[in-house]
Protein backbone atom coordinates (compact mmCIF):
# COMPACT_ATOMS: atom_id res chain seq x y z
CA MET A 1 62.55 -51.85 43.61
CA PRO A 2 58.96 -52.78 45.29
CA ASP A 3 56.80 -55.42 44.34
CA LEU A 4 54.61 -53.90 41.71
CA LYS A 5 52.28 -56.57 42.06
CA SER A 6 51.87 -55.48 45.61
CA GLU A 7 48.13 -53.48 45.88
CA ASN A 8 49.75 -51.29 48.05
CA LEU A 9 52.85 -50.11 45.61
CA SER A 10 52.63 -47.92 42.57
CA GLU A 11 53.54 -48.50 39.16
CA ILE A 12 57.14 -46.87 38.93
CA LYS A 13 59.13 -45.91 35.50
CA ASN A 14 62.14 -44.75 35.33
CA LEU A 15 62.84 -41.54 32.75
CA PRO A 16 66.43 -40.91 30.95
CA GLY A 17 68.41 -38.06 31.58
CA ILE A 18 68.21 -35.63 34.50
CA ALA A 19 66.34 -33.30 36.54
CA PHE A 20 67.71 -29.74 38.53
CA LEU A 21 65.59 -28.28 40.97
CA SER A 22 66.89 -24.30 40.91
CA PHE A 23 67.21 -22.30 43.24
CA PRO A 24 63.95 -19.83 43.62
CA GLU A 25 63.85 -17.27 41.02
CA MET A 26 67.51 -18.49 39.69
CA GLN A 27 66.21 -20.44 36.68
CA ASN A 28 67.90 -18.45 34.29
CA MET A 29 71.08 -18.62 36.02
CA LEU A 30 71.07 -22.49 35.99
CA LEU A 31 70.14 -22.25 32.20
CA SER A 32 73.09 -19.84 31.89
CA GLU A 33 75.55 -22.20 33.96
CA LEU A 34 74.45 -24.85 31.86
CA LYS A 35 75.32 -23.54 28.56
CA ASN A 36 78.36 -21.60 29.63
CA ARG A 37 79.80 -23.71 31.93
CA PHE A 38 78.74 -27.51 30.65
CA ASP A 39 78.30 -26.26 26.99
CA PHE A 40 74.70 -28.00 27.41
CA THR A 41 72.04 -26.16 25.20
CA GLU A 42 69.04 -28.79 25.34
CA ARG A 43 65.78 -27.34 26.71
CA PRO A 44 63.87 -28.70 29.38
CA LYS A 45 61.63 -31.26 28.18
CA ALA A 46 59.50 -30.42 31.18
CA ILE A 47 59.33 -27.77 33.83
CA TYR A 48 57.59 -27.86 37.44
CA GLY A 49 57.49 -24.99 39.39
CA ASP A 50 61.74 -24.81 39.76
CA VAL A 51 62.27 -28.14 39.06
CA LEU A 52 63.66 -28.47 35.09
CA TYR A 53 63.63 -32.10 33.48
CA PHE A 54 66.40 -32.97 30.74
CA SER A 55 65.85 -35.98 28.87
CA SER A 56 69.41 -36.40 28.77
CA TRP A 57 72.65 -35.41 30.47
CA PRO A 58 76.14 -35.00 29.00
CA SER A 59 78.14 -34.80 32.87
CA ALA A 60 77.60 -38.37 35.11
CA GLN A 61 80.26 -36.58 37.85
CA LYS A 62 79.46 -32.80 38.15
CA PHE A 63 76.46 -31.04 38.36
CA PRO A 64 75.53 -27.19 38.35
CA TYR A 65 76.02 -24.66 40.87
CA TRP A 66 72.60 -22.93 40.72
CA ALA A 67 70.80 -26.69 41.16
CA LYS A 68 69.51 -26.41 44.70
CA ALA A 69 68.95 -30.13 44.17
CA VAL A 70 69.30 -32.86 41.76
CA PHE A 71 66.94 -35.65 40.72
CA VAL A 72 69.97 -37.78 39.69
CA GLU A 73 67.98 -40.78 38.30
CA PRO A 74 64.28 -39.58 37.87
CA LYS A 75 61.42 -41.47 38.03
CA THR A 76 57.66 -40.95 37.85
CA MET A 77 54.88 -42.84 39.77
CA ARG A 78 51.28 -42.87 39.81
CA PHE A 79 49.49 -43.48 42.79
CA SER A 80 45.99 -43.91 43.95
CA SER A 81 46.01 -42.55 47.30
CA ILE A 82 48.23 -40.77 50.40
CA SER A 83 48.87 -44.28 51.68
CA ASN A 84 49.71 -45.28 48.31
CA ALA A 85 51.98 -42.69 47.74
CA ALA A 86 53.55 -42.87 50.86
CA ASN A 87 53.91 -46.99 51.04
CA SER A 88 55.98 -46.62 47.33
CA LEU A 89 58.17 -44.27 49.07
CA LYS A 90 58.88 -46.03 51.87
CA SER A 91 59.80 -49.18 49.64
CA ILE A 92 62.51 -47.69 48.09
CA GLN A 93 64.08 -45.80 51.11
CA ARG A 94 63.59 -44.48 54.30
CA ASN A 95 64.42 -40.74 54.00
CA TRP A 96 62.25 -38.50 51.69
CA ALA A 97 61.83 -34.55 51.53
CA PRO A 98 59.15 -33.00 49.08
CA TYR A 99 59.67 -30.21 47.29
CA GLN A 100 56.34 -28.52 46.89
CA TYR A 101 55.09 -25.92 44.36
CA GLN A 102 51.02 -27.28 44.20
CA PHE A 103 48.73 -29.77 45.41
CA PHE A 104 50.33 -28.63 49.11
CA ARG A 105 47.94 -30.39 51.21
CA ARG A 106 48.16 -33.14 49.57
CA ALA A 107 52.29 -33.28 49.38
CA SER A 108 52.06 -32.28 53.28
CA LEU A 109 49.76 -35.64 53.92
CA ILE A 110 52.02 -37.54 52.15
CA GLN A 111 54.71 -36.30 54.32
CA ASP A 112 53.55 -36.69 57.39
CA LYS A 113 53.24 -40.52 56.44
CA LEU A 114 56.89 -40.81 55.87
CA PRO A 115 59.71 -41.10 58.21
CA TYR A 116 60.30 -38.48 60.35
CA ILE A 117 63.08 -35.77 58.87
CA ASN A 118 64.07 -32.56 60.19
CA LEU A 119 62.26 -29.65 57.60
CA LYS A 120 62.10 -27.00 60.38
CA THR A 121 64.46 -23.78 61.03
CA ARG A 122 67.55 -24.54 62.71
CA LYS A 123 69.13 -22.85 64.98
CA PHE A 124 72.60 -22.16 64.74
CA PRO A 125 75.43 -23.63 65.27
CA CYS A 126 73.77 -27.19 64.19
CA LYS A 127 74.78 -30.52 62.44
CA ILE A 128 73.49 -31.79 59.55
CA PRO A 129 73.18 -35.39 59.37
CA SER A 130 74.63 -37.04 56.24
CA SER A 131 72.18 -39.70 55.72
CA PRO A 132 70.85 -39.92 52.00
CA ILE A 133 67.70 -38.47 51.40
CA GLY A 134 65.39 -38.66 48.67
CA ILE A 135 63.52 -35.69 46.44
CA TYR A 136 60.00 -35.96 45.06
CA THR A 137 57.21 -33.29 43.82
CA LEU A 138 53.92 -33.64 42.65
CA THR A 139 53.32 -33.29 38.99
CA ASP A 140 49.49 -33.52 39.35
CA GLU A 141 47.39 -35.12 41.67
CA ASN A 142 48.26 -38.39 41.35
CA THR A 143 51.86 -38.64 39.90
CA ILE A 144 55.09 -38.04 41.67
CA LEU A 145 58.40 -37.16 40.02
CA PHE A 146 60.74 -38.06 42.55
CA SER A 147 64.42 -40.07 42.72
CA GLU A 148 65.87 -41.75 45.64
CA LYS A 149 69.53 -40.28 44.53
CA THR A 150 70.20 -36.85 44.81
CA SER A 151 73.30 -34.29 45.39
CA ASN A 152 73.11 -33.62 48.52
CA SER A 153 72.14 -34.71 52.08
CA LEU A 154 70.07 -31.41 52.54
CA PRO A 155 66.38 -31.99 52.12
CA ALA A 156 65.36 -31.02 48.83
CA GLY A 157 68.73 -28.78 48.84
CA ASN A 158 67.01 -26.51 51.69
CA ILE A 159 68.77 -25.12 55.31
CA VAL A 160 66.97 -22.20 56.83
CA PHE A 161 68.22 -21.02 60.07
CA GLU A 162 66.24 -19.39 62.89
CA GLU A 163 67.00 -15.22 62.05
CA ASP A 164 68.32 -13.33 65.16
CA HIS A 165 66.44 -9.39 63.90
CA GLU A 166 67.94 -7.58 66.38
CA ASN A 167 71.73 -8.08 67.15
CA PRO A 168 73.60 -8.50 63.86
CA PRO A 169 75.12 -5.96 62.14
CA SER A 170 74.07 -7.07 58.79
CA ARG A 171 72.01 -10.37 56.95
CA ALA A 172 75.59 -11.41 55.58
CA TYR A 173 75.47 -13.59 58.67
CA LEU A 174 73.46 -15.95 57.35
CA LYS A 175 75.91 -16.74 54.79
CA ILE A 176 79.02 -17.68 57.13
CA GLN A 177 76.35 -20.06 59.17
CA GLU A 178 75.57 -21.84 55.98
CA SER A 179 79.15 -22.36 55.02
CA LEU A 180 80.32 -23.54 58.39
CA ALA A 181 77.30 -25.89 58.69
CA LEU A 182 78.18 -27.12 55.63
CA LEU A 183 81.94 -27.46 55.69
CA ASN A 184 81.14 -29.64 59.02
CA LEU A 185 78.81 -31.69 56.77
CA PHE A 186 81.70 -32.13 54.28
CA THR A 187 84.76 -33.05 56.11
CA GLY A 188 83.38 -33.32 59.88
CA LYS A 189 85.14 -30.07 60.68
CA ASP A 190 83.91 -28.45 63.85
CA PHE A 191 82.77 -24.89 64.11
CA PRO A 192 85.50 -21.82 64.97
CA LYS A 193 85.85 -21.94 68.57
CA SER A 194 87.74 -20.59 71.94
CA GLY A 195 91.18 -20.19 71.33
CA GLU A 196 91.29 -20.32 67.78
CA ARG A 197 92.28 -17.15 65.50
CA CYS A 198 90.06 -16.24 62.66
CA PHE A 199 90.80 -13.08 60.17
CA GLU A 200 88.41 -11.50 58.06
CA ALA A 201 89.00 -9.52 55.01
CA GLY A 202 86.65 -6.49 54.37
CA ALA A 203 84.55 -7.18 58.02
CA CYS A 204 82.49 -4.26 58.11
CA PRO A 205 80.02 -4.22 59.61
CA GLY A 206 80.80 -7.56 61.00
CA GLY A 207 77.97 -10.02 60.18
CA TRP A 208 80.44 -12.75 59.77
CA THR A 209 82.51 -11.86 62.93
CA TRP A 210 79.53 -11.22 64.64
CA VAL A 211 79.20 -15.23 64.45
CA LEU A 212 82.58 -16.03 65.22
CA THR A 213 82.77 -14.28 68.47
CA ASN A 214 79.67 -15.96 69.28
CA LEU A 215 81.38 -19.21 68.93
CA GLY A 216 84.12 -17.91 70.77
CA ALA A 217 86.70 -17.59 68.34
CA SER A 218 89.17 -14.08 68.15
CA VAL A 219 88.97 -12.03 65.05
CA TYR A 220 91.53 -10.28 63.42
CA ALA A 221 88.98 -7.77 61.28
CA VAL A 222 90.18 -5.61 58.97
CA ASP A 223 88.77 -3.46 56.51
CA ARG A 224 88.23 0.82 55.48
CA SER A 225 85.76 1.07 57.53
CA PRO A 226 84.84 0.41 61.41
CA LEU A 227 82.23 -2.35 62.33
CA CYS A 228 79.63 -1.80 64.51
CA ASP A 229 80.44 -0.50 68.02
CA SER A 230 79.41 -3.62 70.08
CA LEU A 231 81.77 -5.34 67.69
CA MET A 232 84.86 -2.52 68.21
CA LYS A 233 84.04 -3.34 71.91
CA ASN A 234 84.36 -6.31 72.30
CA PRO A 235 87.33 -8.22 73.68
CA LEU A 236 87.35 -10.62 70.82
CA VAL A 237 88.09 -8.25 68.30
CA GLN A 238 91.23 -6.78 66.74
CA PHE A 239 90.27 -4.15 64.30
CA GLU A 240 92.70 -2.92 62.06
CA SER A 241 91.50 -0.04 59.21
CA HIS A 242 93.47 -1.04 55.91
CA ASP A 243 92.88 -2.71 52.92
CA ALA A 244 92.98 -6.13 53.86
CA PHE A 245 93.85 -7.83 50.47
CA THR A 246 97.20 -5.60 50.73
CA LEU A 247 98.67 -7.25 54.11
CA LYS A 248 101.12 -10.24 52.99
CA PRO A 249 100.03 -13.15 55.28
CA GLU A 250 103.33 -12.89 57.23
CA GLU A 251 102.20 -9.35 58.56
CA ILE A 252 99.03 -11.08 60.21
CA GLY A 253 100.74 -14.22 61.33
CA PHE A 254 98.86 -18.04 61.87
CA CYS A 255 95.26 -18.25 61.63
CA ASP A 256 92.85 -21.29 61.91
CA TRP A 257 90.47 -19.46 59.56
CA VAL A 258 90.64 -16.95 56.94
CA PHE A 259 87.14 -15.68 55.44
CA SER A 260 86.72 -12.82 52.91
CA ASP A 261 82.95 -11.48 51.71
CA VAL A 262 84.72 -8.50 50.10
CA ILE A 263 82.72 -7.10 46.99
CA CYS A 264 86.01 -7.41 44.49
CA TYR A 265 86.66 -9.24 40.89
CA PRO A 266 86.90 -13.37 41.04
CA GLU A 267 90.50 -12.63 39.33
CA ARG A 268 91.49 -10.41 42.44
CA LEU A 269 90.27 -13.10 45.16
CA LEU A 270 91.46 -16.04 43.26
CA LYS A 271 95.28 -14.42 43.76
CA TRP A 272 95.19 -13.43 47.23
CA VAL A 273 93.40 -16.91 48.03
CA LYS A 274 96.63 -18.76 46.07
CA ILE A 275 98.67 -16.49 48.81
CA TRP A 276 97.53 -17.43 51.38
CA LEU A 277 97.64 -20.91 50.87
CA GLU A 278 101.37 -20.83 49.71
CA SER A 279 102.24 -19.02 52.87
CA GLY A 280 101.41 -21.95 54.99
CA LEU A 281 99.56 -20.29 57.33
CA CYS A 282 95.90 -21.14 57.40
CA LYS A 283 93.90 -24.00 57.97
CA ASN A 284 90.61 -23.63 56.67
CA MET A 285 89.63 -20.70 54.28
CA ILE A 286 85.91 -19.73 53.29
CA CYS A 287 85.34 -16.77 50.73
CA THR A 288 82.32 -15.70 48.73
CA ILE A 289 83.28 -15.35 45.19
CA LYS A 290 81.11 -12.08 43.62
CA MET A 291 80.10 -12.06 40.11
CA GLN A 292 80.67 -9.05 38.51
CA GLY A 293 78.17 -9.42 34.93
CA GLU A 294 79.18 -12.69 33.09
CA ILE A 295 80.51 -15.34 35.34
CA ASN A 296 84.26 -16.17 34.10
CA TRP A 297 83.80 -20.04 34.34
CA SER A 298 87.58 -20.61 33.65
CA ILE A 299 88.37 -18.23 36.53
CA ILE A 300 85.72 -20.31 38.75
CA LYS A 301 86.99 -23.77 37.20
CA GLU A 302 91.08 -22.70 38.94
CA PHE A 303 88.99 -22.44 42.34
CA GLU A 304 87.55 -25.69 41.55
CA GLU A 305 90.64 -27.25 41.15
CA ILE A 306 92.61 -26.46 44.15
CA PRO A 307 93.03 -29.47 46.40
CA ASN A 308 90.93 -29.71 49.62
CA SER A 309 88.14 -27.36 48.25
CA ARG A 310 84.91 -27.35 47.11
CA ILE A 311 82.31 -24.77 45.60
CA VAL A 312 78.67 -24.24 46.26
CA HIS A 313 75.98 -21.80 46.28
CA LEU A 314 74.71 -21.19 49.48
CA ASN A 315 70.84 -20.86 50.17
CA TYR A 316 71.78 -17.64 51.83
CA ASN A 317 73.51 -16.94 48.29
CA LYS A 318 72.75 -14.55 45.70
CA HIS A 319 74.84 -13.93 42.40
CA GLU A 320 77.63 -15.37 43.91
CA LEU A 321 79.25 -18.52 44.83
CA THR A 322 81.00 -19.59 48.09
CA TRP A 323 84.00 -21.13 48.16
CA ILE A 324 85.33 -23.71 50.82
CA TYR A 325 89.01 -24.89 51.90
CA SER A 326 89.57 -26.98 54.77
CA VAL A 327 92.96 -29.32 55.63
């Protein structure tokens, strides 16, 4: 804690409760999750853009998926100048990321005086630093809401990849890029590479297969419809026209990676995932859990309880979650 008597530092006030930064345009999803997953019906005490501050929080260990970042130990700081704000934050820890929804110029000037962190668009494949990172936002011209402790090491929960608008057959490729980057962050697992075999269920039109072949991996792609022409001609791709969920793991053989971005009910996906896990024929799985109307949180909990796995909501997800497994 900084020396509050120093003229270069600001007065800091601890707040009870917690603050969640929701994904853009998804505050309703966040509130719905709080109610239906956590049985938490308290209304926000304050809202700052996409930040919802609550004066209490019942779960110390778990956070909502639809929170992009969490102010785990929220505090407020009154400051008198740009330098005053930056010095106060630096006195607490090195790494800080801003969430900006107003006073953009003022927030940028503060960030410029803080130690450098990468807030730029990233080129895939990339590795995300695992260093702890705080978060702050300006609630008025001279007040910051902040927390040195957050839910992840992404800056304000954000990651943006450099987009290729010409070659990928669909924008879904961004989801697998983010998933693989997060898996590397969580476990140190390297990206798929030459010599590794991938199975993609429901691969058409080929956004995920495109990423995997660019990494050098071979892909056994299964769908009722063919992939885009360039992938159908790619020597790293073996395509089969079939309902991927009806193929048994034993028919496909060992795979280093198994992927699914199939539109299906979560119950069906869970059953399919368990078949693969019980087969022992895969090391890593990444699957999109597509929501069909109201979310069945009991099914999500079953995914969550699978050992060596976790669920995330990606920056490139919408009304869906991503399940990531690795051994």
